[in-house]
Amino acid sequence: MFETREALDNGADEIDMVINVGRLIQGDEAYVEQEVAALVQLCHERGKILKVIIETCYLNEEQIKAMCRIVESTHADFIKTSTGYGSRGANFEDIELFKKYLKIPAKMKASGGIRTTEDAKRYVESGCSRLGTSNGVSIMEGTKAQEAY
């Protein structure tokens, strides 16, 4: 809360939060939901956006389903696949699970490991309204990205 408040006080328009993956894996969905809800409230009171990063690389389908429910119930603005620092970035199966379990269409952001124009287009066609990539120039130019995930 302190870091979010500081960022907002210093002009941030959007906040990316990473869920407490350990608590979710332990089955403490209530803790994760409370944490997301508190940050949603703080951001929305100031008219700002909150993106909830769930680190799909560490989660199973049931945990992703739980996070879809939490994102909906707290009215977070985005559900986001990853920080790009986990064992893998986004994959198309993650987005399909988001679409399967989000009852209210939420904004989705695929992030991490997007290296080609074709993949970027496919994520957008799958319903992602944002992409997180360090390969934006090569994607826009249609050239091969130099970075591996």
N, C-alpha and C. Protein backbone atom coordinates (compact mmCIF):
# COMPACT_ATOMS: atom_id res chain seq x y z
N MET A 1 0.84 -1.19 0.00
CA MET A 1 0.00 0.00 0.00
C MET A 1 0.88 1.24 0.00
N PHE A 2 1.94 1.21 0.80
CA PHE A 2 2.83 2.37 0.87
C PHE A 2 3.44 2.66 -0.50
N GLU A 3 3.97 1.62 -1.15
CA GLU A 3 4.61 1.82 -2.45
C GLU A 3 3.62 2.31 -3.50
N THR A 4 2.41 1.78 -3.48
CA THR A 4 1.39 2.22 -4.43
C THR A 4 1.02 3.66 -4.17
N ARG A 5 0.82 4.00 -2.92
CA ARG A 5 0.49 5.39 -2.57
C ARG A 5 1.60 6.34 -3.02
N GLU A 6 2.85 5.95 -2.77
CA GLU A 6 3.99 6.77 -3.19
C GLU A 6 4.02 6.94 -4.71
N ALA A 7 3.81 5.85 -5.43
CA ALA A 7 3.84 5.92 -6.89
C ALA A 7 2.72 6.84 -7.41
N LEU A 8 1.54 6.69 -6.84
CA LEU A 8 0.42 7.55 -7.26
C LEU A 8 0.68 9.00 -6.90
N ASP A 9 1.22 9.25 -5.71
CA ASP A 9 1.55 10.62 -5.30
C ASP A 9 2.59 11.25 -6.21
N ASN A 10 3.42 10.42 -6.81
CA ASN A 10 4.48 10.92 -7.69
C ASN A 10 4.10 10.88 -9.16
N GLY A 11 2.81 10.69 -9.44
CA GLY A 11 2.33 10.86 -10.81
C GLY A 11 2.02 9.61 -11.60
N ALA A 12 2.12 8.44 -11.02
CA ALA A 12 1.81 7.21 -11.77
C ALA A 12 0.34 7.18 -12.15
N ASP A 13 0.06 6.77 -13.37
CA ASP A 13 -1.32 6.62 -13.84
C ASP A 13 -1.79 5.18 -13.77
N GLU A 14 -0.82 4.26 -13.73
CA GLU A 14 -1.13 2.84 -13.70
C GLU A 14 -0.18 2.15 -12.72
N ILE A 15 -0.72 1.14 -12.05
CA ILE A 15 0.07 0.34 -11.12
C ILE A 15 0.01 -1.11 -11.57
N ASP A 16 1.17 -1.76 -11.61
CA ASP A 16 1.25 -3.20 -11.83
C ASP A 16 1.57 -3.82 -10.48
N MET A 17 0.71 -4.69 -10.01
CA MET A 17 0.98 -5.41 -8.77
C MET A 17 1.19 -6.88 -9.09
N VAL A 18 2.07 -7.52 -8.36
CA VAL A 18 2.25 -8.96 -8.47
C VAL A 18 1.57 -9.58 -7.26
N ILE A 19 0.72 -10.56 -7.52
CA ILE A 19 0.04 -11.21 -6.40
C ILE A 19 1.07 -11.92 -5.52
N ASN A 20 0.65 -12.24 -4.31
CA ASN A 20 1.47 -13.05 -3.43
C ASN A 20 1.27 -14.51 -3.87
N VAL A 21 2.12 -14.94 -4.80
CA VAL A 21 2.00 -16.26 -5.40
C VAL A 21 2.06 -17.35 -4.34
N GLY A 22 2.95 -17.20 -3.38
CA GLY A 22 3.08 -18.20 -2.33
C GLY A 22 1.79 -18.41 -1.56
N ARG A 23 1.14 -17.31 -1.20
CA ARG A 23 -0.12 -17.43 -0.46
C ARG A 23 -1.20 -18.10 -1.32
N LEU A 24 -1.23 -17.78 -2.61
CA LEU A 24 -2.22 -18.41 -3.49
C LEU A 24 -1.96 -19.91 -3.59
N ILE A 25 -0.70 -20.29 -3.79
CA ILE A 25 -0.35 -21.71 -3.92
C ILE A 25 -0.67 -22.46 -2.62
N GLN A 26 -0.52 -21.79 -1.48
CA GLN A 26 -0.87 -22.40 -0.19
C GLN A 26 -2.38 -22.52 0.00
N GLY A 27 -3.15 -21.91 -0.90
CA GLY A 27 -4.61 -22.00 -0.81
C GLY A 27 -5.25 -20.83 -0.10
N ASP A 28 -4.50 -19.79 0.20
CA ASP A 28 -5.03 -18.64 0.93
C ASP A 28 -5.56 -17.59 -0.05
N GLU A 29 -6.62 -17.97 -0.76
CA GLU A 29 -7.23 -17.07 -1.73
C GLU A 29 -7.78 -15.81 -1.06
N ALA A 30 -8.27 -15.94 0.16
CA ALA A 30 -8.83 -14.78 0.87
C ALA A 30 -7.77 -13.70 1.07
N TYR A 31 -6.56 -14.10 1.42
CA TYR A 31 -5.47 -13.13 1.60
C TYR A 31 -5.19 -12.40 0.30
N VAL A 32 -5.06 -13.16 -0.79
CA VAL A 32 -4.76 -12.57 -2.10
C VAL A 32 -5.88 -11.63 -2.52
N GLU A 33 -7.12 -12.05 -2.33
CA GLU A 33 -8.26 -11.21 -2.70
C GLU A 33 -8.28 -9.91 -1.89
N GLN A 34 -8.00 -10.00 -0.60
CA GLN A 34 -7.97 -8.82 0.25
C GLN A 34 -6.89 -7.84 -0.22
N GLU A 35 -5.72 -8.38 -0.56
CA GLU A 35 -4.61 -7.54 -1.02
C GLU A 35 -4.96 -6.85 -2.34
N VAL A 36 -5.51 -7.60 -3.29
CA VAL A 36 -5.91 -7.01 -4.57
C VAL A 36 -7.00 -5.96 -4.35
N ALA A 37 -7.99 -6.28 -3.53
CA ALA A 37 -9.10 -5.35 -3.28
C ALA A 37 -8.60 -4.03 -2.69
N ALA A 38 -7.66 -4.10 -1.78
CA ALA A 38 -7.13 -2.88 -1.16
C ALA A 38 -6.44 -2.00 -2.19
N LEU A 39 -5.66 -2.61 -3.07
CA LEU A 39 -4.96 -1.83 -4.09
C LEU A 39 -5.92 -1.30 -5.16
N VAL A 40 -6.94 -2.09 -5.51
CA VAL A 40 -7.96 -1.60 -6.44
C VAL A 40 -8.62 -0.36 -5.87
N GLN A 41 -9.01 -0.43 -4.60
CA GLN A 41 -9.68 0.70 -3.97
C GLN A 41 -8.81 1.95 -4.00
N LEU A 42 -7.55 1.79 -3.62
CA LEU A 42 -6.63 2.93 -3.61
C LEU A 42 -6.47 3.52 -5.02
N CYS A 43 -6.27 2.67 -6.00
CA CYS A 43 -6.09 3.16 -7.37
C CYS A 43 -7.37 3.81 -7.91
N HIS A 44 -8.48 3.15 -7.71
CA HIS A 44 -9.73 3.67 -8.26
C HIS A 44 -10.19 4.95 -7.57
N GLU A 45 -9.88 5.11 -6.30
CA GLU A 45 -10.20 6.37 -5.61
C GLU A 45 -9.52 7.55 -6.30
N ARG A 46 -8.41 7.29 -6.94
CA ARG A 46 -7.64 8.34 -7.62
C ARG A 46 -7.82 8.30 -9.13
N GLY A 47 -8.74 7.46 -9.60
CA GLY A 47 -9.00 7.38 -11.03
C GLY A 47 -7.88 6.72 -11.82
N LYS A 48 -7.15 5.83 -11.19
CA LYS A 48 -6.00 5.18 -11.83
C LYS A 48 -6.27 3.70 -12.08
N ILE A 49 -5.42 3.09 -12.87
CA ILE A 49 -5.58 1.71 -13.32
C ILE A 49 -4.71 0.77 -12.49
N LEU A 50 -5.28 -0.41 -12.19
CA LEU A 50 -4.51 -1.46 -11.52
C LEU A 50 -4.47 -2.70 -12.41
N LYS A 51 -3.26 -3.17 -12.70
CA LYS A 51 -3.06 -4.41 -13.43
C LYS A 51 -2.57 -5.45 -12.43
N VAL A 52 -3.21 -6.61 -12.43
CA VAL A 52 -2.89 -7.68 -11.50
C VAL A 52 -2.08 -8.75 -12.24
N ILE A 53 -0.81 -8.86 -11.87
CA ILE A 53 0.09 -9.83 -12.48
C ILE A 53 0.00 -11.12 -11.66
N ILE A 54 -0.34 -12.22 -12.33
CA ILE A 54 -0.56 -13.45 -11.57
C ILE A 54 0.55 -14.49 -11.72
N GLU A 55 1.54 -14.24 -12.57
CA GLU A 55 2.67 -15.17 -12.78
C GLU A 55 2.16 -16.58 -13.11
N THR A 56 1.51 -16.70 -14.26
CA THR A 56 0.90 -17.96 -14.67
C THR A 56 1.88 -19.13 -14.73
N CYS A 57 3.15 -18.85 -14.89
CA CYS A 57 4.13 -19.95 -14.99
C CYS A 57 4.20 -20.79 -13.72
N TYR A 58 3.76 -20.24 -12.60
CA TYR A 58 3.81 -20.96 -11.32
C TYR A 58 2.46 -21.55 -10.91
N LEU A 59 1.42 -21.28 -11.69
CA LEU A 59 0.07 -21.64 -11.28
C LEU A 59 -0.51 -22.78 -12.11
N ASN A 60 -1.40 -23.55 -11.46
CA ASN A 60 -2.15 -24.55 -12.20
C ASN A 60 -3.49 -23.95 -12.63
N GLU A 61 -4.27 -24.72 -13.34
CA GLU A 61 -5.53 -24.20 -13.88
C GLU A 61 -6.48 -23.74 -12.77
N GLU A 62 -6.57 -24.48 -11.68
CA GLU A 62 -7.47 -24.08 -10.60
C GLU A 62 -7.06 -22.75 -9.97
N GLN A 63 -5.76 -22.53 -9.86
CA GLN A 63 -5.27 -21.26 -9.30
C GLN A 63 -5.50 -20.11 -10.27
N ILE A 64 -5.35 -20.36 -11.55
CA ILE A 64 -5.66 -19.32 -12.56
C ILE A 64 -7.15 -19.01 -12.52
N LYS A 65 -7.97 -20.03 -12.39
CA LYS A 65 -9.42 -19.84 -12.27
C LYS A 65 -9.73 -18.97 -11.05
N ALA A 66 -9.09 -19.26 -9.94
CA ALA A 66 -9.31 -18.47 -8.71
C ALA A 66 -8.92 -17.02 -8.94
N MET A 67 -7.82 -16.79 -9.64
CA MET A 67 -7.39 -15.41 -9.88
C MET A 67 -8.33 -14.69 -10.83
N CYS A 68 -8.90 -15.38 -11.78
CA CYS A 68 -9.92 -14.75 -12.64
C CYS A 68 -11.10 -14.30 -11.79
N ARG A 69 -11.53 -15.14 -10.86
CA ARG A 69 -12.63 -14.77 -9.97
C ARG A 69 -12.26 -13.57 -9.11
N ILE A 70 -11.05 -13.56 -8.58
CA ILE A 70 -10.60 -12.46 -7.73
C ILE A 70 -10.51 -11.16 -8.52
N VAL A 71 -9.96 -11.21 -9.71
CA VAL A 71 -9.87 -10.00 -10.55
C VAL A 71 -11.27 -9.46 -10.82
N GLU A 72 -12.21 -10.33 -11.11
CA GLU A 72 -13.59 -9.88 -11.35
C GLU A 72 -14.23 -9.31 -10.09
N SER A 73 -14.10 -10.03 -8.99
CA SER A 73 -14.81 -9.60 -7.78
C SER A 73 -14.26 -8.30 -7.21
N THR A 74 -12.98 -8.03 -7.46
CA THR A 74 -12.38 -6.80 -6.94
C THR A 74 -12.48 -5.63 -7.93
N HIS A 75 -12.89 -5.94 -9.16
CA HIS A 75 -13.00 -4.94 -10.23
C HIS A 75 -11.64 -4.37 -10.64
N ALA A 76 -10.60 -5.20 -10.58
CA ALA A 76 -9.30 -4.78 -11.08
C ALA A 76 -9.43 -4.52 -12.58
N ASP A 77 -8.56 -3.66 -13.10
CA ASP A 77 -8.69 -3.24 -14.49
C ASP A 77 -8.13 -4.25 -15.49
N PHE A 78 -7.08 -4.95 -15.13
CA PHE A 78 -6.43 -5.90 -16.02
C PHE A 78 -6.02 -7.14 -15.25
N ILE A 79 -5.98 -8.26 -15.96
CA ILE A 79 -5.29 -9.46 -15.50
C ILE A 79 -4.11 -9.63 -16.45
N LYS A 80 -2.95 -9.87 -15.89
CA LYS A 80 -1.71 -9.89 -16.66
C LYS A 80 -0.97 -11.18 -16.39
N THR A 81 -0.42 -11.78 -17.44
CA THR A 81 0.18 -13.10 -17.32
C THR A 81 1.42 -13.14 -16.44
N SER A 82 2.34 -12.19 -16.65
CA SER A 82 3.62 -12.34 -15.95
C SER A 82 4.40 -11.04 -15.90
N THR A 83 5.42 -11.06 -15.06
CA THR A 83 6.35 -9.94 -14.97
C THR A 83 7.41 -10.02 -16.06
N GLY A 84 7.61 -11.20 -16.58
CA GLY A 84 8.70 -11.42 -17.52
C GLY A 84 9.96 -11.91 -16.82
N TYR A 85 9.87 -12.09 -15.50
CA TYR A 85 11.04 -12.55 -14.75
C TYR A 85 10.87 -13.97 -14.21
N GLY A 86 9.73 -14.59 -14.46
CA GLY A 86 9.50 -15.95 -13.99
C GLY A 86 10.16 -16.96 -14.91
N SER A 87 9.77 -18.21 -14.78
CA SER A 87 10.38 -19.27 -15.58
C SER A 87 9.93 -19.25 -17.03
N ARG A 88 8.86 -18.51 -17.32
CA ARG A 88 8.42 -18.29 -18.69
C ARG A 88 7.49 -17.08 -18.69
N GLY A 89 7.28 -16.57 -19.87
CA GLY A 89 6.35 -15.46 -20.02
C GLY A 89 4.98 -15.98 -20.38
N ALA A 90 4.26 -15.18 -21.14
CA ALA A 90 2.91 -15.54 -21.54
C ALA A 90 2.93 -16.72 -22.50
N ASN A 91 1.82 -17.44 -22.54
CA ASN A 91 1.58 -18.39 -23.61
C ASN A 91 0.10 -18.35 -23.96
N PHE A 92 -0.24 -18.90 -25.09
CA PHE A 92 -1.62 -18.80 -25.57
C PHE A 92 -2.58 -19.58 -24.68
N GLU A 93 -2.11 -20.63 -24.03
CA GLU A 93 -2.97 -21.39 -23.13
C GLU A 93 -3.41 -20.53 -21.94
N ASP A 94 -2.53 -19.66 -21.46
CA ASP A 94 -2.91 -18.74 -20.37
C ASP A 94 -4.09 -17.88 -20.78
N ILE A 95 -4.01 -17.32 -21.96
CA ILE A 95 -5.07 -16.43 -22.45
C ILE A 95 -6.36 -17.20 -22.63
N GLU A 96 -6.27 -18.43 -23.13
CA GLU A 96 -7.47 -19.25 -23.28
C GLU A 96 -8.11 -19.54 -21.92
N LEU A 97 -7.28 -19.77 -20.89
CA LEU A 97 -7.83 -19.99 -19.55
C LEU A 97 -8.48 -18.71 -19.02
N PHE A 98 -7.86 -17.56 -19.25
CA PHE A 98 -8.49 -16.30 -18.85
C PHE A 98 -9.87 -16.18 -19.48
N LYS A 99 -9.93 -16.44 -20.77
CA LYS A 99 -11.21 -16.31 -21.49
C LYS A 99 -12.23 -17.34 -20.99
N LYS A 100 -11.75 -18.50 -20.62
CA LYS A 100 -12.65 -19.56 -20.13
C LYS A 100 -13.27 -19.18 -18.78
N TYR A 101 -12.47 -18.56 -17.90
CA TYR A 101 -12.93 -18.34 -16.53
C TYR A 101 -13.39 -16.92 -16.21
N LEU A 102 -13.11 -15.97 -17.05
CA LEU A 102 -13.60 -14.62 -16.80
C LEU A 102 -15.04 -14.53 -17.29
N LYS A 103 -15.96 -14.37 -16.35
CA LYS A 103 -17.37 -14.27 -16.72
C LYS A 103 -17.67 -12.90 -17.29
N ILE A 104 -17.06 -11.89 -16.71
CA ILE A 104 -17.18 -10.53 -17.20
C ILE A 104 -15.92 -10.26 -18.00
N PRO A 105 -16.03 -9.92 -19.26
CA PRO A 105 -14.80 -9.70 -20.03
C PRO A 105 -13.91 -8.65 -19.35
N ALA A 106 -12.73 -9.07 -18.96
CA ALA A 106 -11.76 -8.17 -18.34
C ALA A 106 -10.67 -7.89 -19.36
N LYS A 107 -9.97 -6.82 -19.16
CA LYS A 107 -8.85 -6.52 -20.04
C LYS A 107 -7.71 -7.47 -19.70
N MET A 108 -7.12 -8.02 -20.74
CA MET A 108 -6.04 -8.99 -20.56
C MET A 108 -4.76 -8.40 -21.14
N LYS A 109 -3.66 -8.67 -20.44
CA LYS A 109 -2.35 -8.28 -20.93
C LYS A 109 -1.45 -9.51 -20.93
N ALA A 110 -0.96 -9.85 -22.12
CA ALA A 110 0.03 -10.92 -22.25
C ALA A 110 1.40 -10.27 -22.14
N SER A 111 2.24 -10.82 -21.31
CA SER A 111 3.54 -10.19 -21.07
C SER A 111 4.62 -11.23 -20.91
N GLY A 112 5.73 -10.97 -21.56
CA GLY A 112 6.90 -11.84 -21.43
C GLY A 112 6.99 -12.86 -22.53
N GLY A 113 8.11 -12.87 -23.24
CA GLY A 113 8.37 -13.89 -24.24
C GLY A 113 7.72 -13.66 -25.59
N ILE A 114 7.12 -12.51 -25.81
CA ILE A 114 6.51 -12.22 -27.11
C ILE A 114 7.60 -11.66 -28.01
N ARG A 115 7.97 -12.43 -29.04
CA ARG A 115 9.13 -12.05 -29.85
C ARG A 115 8.83 -11.84 -31.32
N THR A 116 7.68 -12.27 -31.81
CA THR A 116 7.42 -12.17 -33.25
C THR A 116 6.16 -11.37 -33.53
N THR A 117 6.12 -10.82 -34.73
CA THR A 117 4.93 -10.10 -35.18
C THR A 117 3.73 -11.04 -35.19
N GLU A 118 3.94 -12.26 -35.62
CA GLU A 118 2.85 -13.24 -35.69
C GLU A 118 2.28 -13.52 -34.30
N ASP A 119 3.16 -13.72 -33.32
CA ASP A 119 2.67 -13.95 -31.96
C ASP A 119 1.93 -12.73 -31.42
N ALA A 120 2.46 -11.55 -31.65
CA ALA A 120 1.81 -10.33 -31.18
C ALA A 120 0.41 -10.22 -31.76
N LYS A 121 0.29 -10.46 -33.05
CA LYS A 121 -1.04 -10.40 -33.71
C LYS A 121 -1.97 -11.45 -33.11
N ARG A 122 -1.45 -12.64 -32.88
CA ARG A 122 -2.29 -13.72 -32.34
C ARG A 122 -2.79 -13.38 -30.93
N TYR A 123 -1.93 -12.77 -30.10
CA TYR A 123 -2.39 -12.37 -28.77
C TYR A 123 -3.49 -11.31 -28.87
N VAL A 124 -3.32 -10.36 -29.75
CA VAL A 124 -4.35 -9.33 -29.93
C VAL A 124 -5.64 -9.95 -30.44
N GLU A 125 -5.53 -10.83 -31.42
CA GLU A 125 -6.71 -11.53 -31.95
C GLU A 125 -7.38 -12.40 -30.89
N SER A 126 -6.61 -12.86 -29.91
CA SER A 126 -7.16 -13.68 -28.82
C SER A 126 -7.87 -12.85 -27.77
N GLY A 127 -7.77 -11.52 -27.88
CA GLY A 127 -8.49 -10.66 -26.95
C GLY A 127 -7.63 -9.81 -26.03
N CYS A 128 -6.32 -9.89 -26.16
CA CYS A 128 -5.45 -9.06 -25.31
C CYS A 128 -5.51 -7.61 -25.80
N SER A 129 -5.72 -6.71 -24.88
CA SER A 129 -5.72 -5.30 -25.26
C SER A 129 -4.36 -4.66 -25.08
N ARG A 130 -3.45 -5.37 -24.40
CA ARG A 130 -2.07 -4.88 -24.24
C ARG A 130 -1.11 -6.05 -24.29
N LEU A 131 0.11 -5.73 -24.72
CA LEU A 131 1.19 -6.70 -24.74
C LEU A 131 2.38 -6.11 -24.02
N GLY A 132 3.10 -6.95 -23.30
CA GLY A 132 4.34 -6.53 -22.66
C GLY A 132 5.49 -7.27 -23.32
N THR A 133 6.37 -6.53 -23.96
CA THR A 133 7.49 -7.16 -24.65
C THR A 133 8.67 -6.21 -24.70
N SER A 134 9.85 -6.75 -24.70
CA SER A 134 11.05 -5.94 -24.89
C SER A 134 11.47 -5.97 -26.35
N ASN A 135 10.62 -6.53 -27.19
CA ASN A 135 10.93 -6.69 -28.61
C ASN A 135 10.02 -5.85 -29.50
N GLY A 136 9.54 -4.74 -28.99
CA GLY A 136 8.58 -3.92 -29.72
C GLY A 136 9.07 -3.46 -31.08
N VAL A 137 10.32 -3.04 -31.17
CA VAL A 137 10.83 -2.54 -32.44
C VAL A 137 10.86 -3.66 -33.48
N SER A 138 11.42 -4.81 -33.12
CA SER A 138 11.49 -5.90 -34.09
C SER A 138 10.09 -6.42 -34.45
N ILE A 139 9.17 -6.41 -33.50
CA ILE A 139 7.80 -6.83 -33.80
C ILE A 139 7.17 -5.88 -34.80
N MET A 140 7.34 -4.58 -34.59
CA MET A 140 6.76 -3.59 -35.50
C MET A 140 7.43 -3.63 -36.88
N GLU A 141 8.71 -3.93 -36.90
CA GLU A 141 9.44 -4.00 -38.18
C GLU A 141 9.25 -5.35 -38.87
N GLY A 142 8.73 -6.31 -38.14
CA GLY A 142 8.55 -7.64 -38.71
C GLY A 142 9.84 -8.43 -38.83
N THR A 143 10.84 -8.07 -38.03
CA THR A 143 12.12 -8.77 -38.05
C THR A 143 12.23 -9.70 -36.85
N LYS A 144 13.21 -10.56 -36.89
CA LYS A 144 13.40 -11.53 -35.80
C LYS A 144 13.98 -10.84 -34.57
N ALA A 145 13.36 -11.09 -33.42
CA ALA A 145 13.86 -10.54 -32.16
C ALA A 145 15.18 -11.20 -31.80
N GLN A 146 16.05 -10.44 -31.19
CA GLN A 146 17.37 -10.94 -30.80
C GLN A 146 17.37 -11.60 -29.44
N GLU A 147 16.43 -11.22 -28.58
CA GLU A 147 16.44 -11.70 -27.21
C GLU A 147 15.70 -13.02 -27.06
N ALA A 148 16.25 -13.91 -26.28
CA ALA A 148 15.55 -15.14 -25.91
C ALA A 148 14.89 -14.88 -24.55
N TYR A 149 13.87 -15.65 -24.25
CA TYR A 149 13.22 -15.44 -22.95
C TYR A 149 14.10 -15.94 -21.86
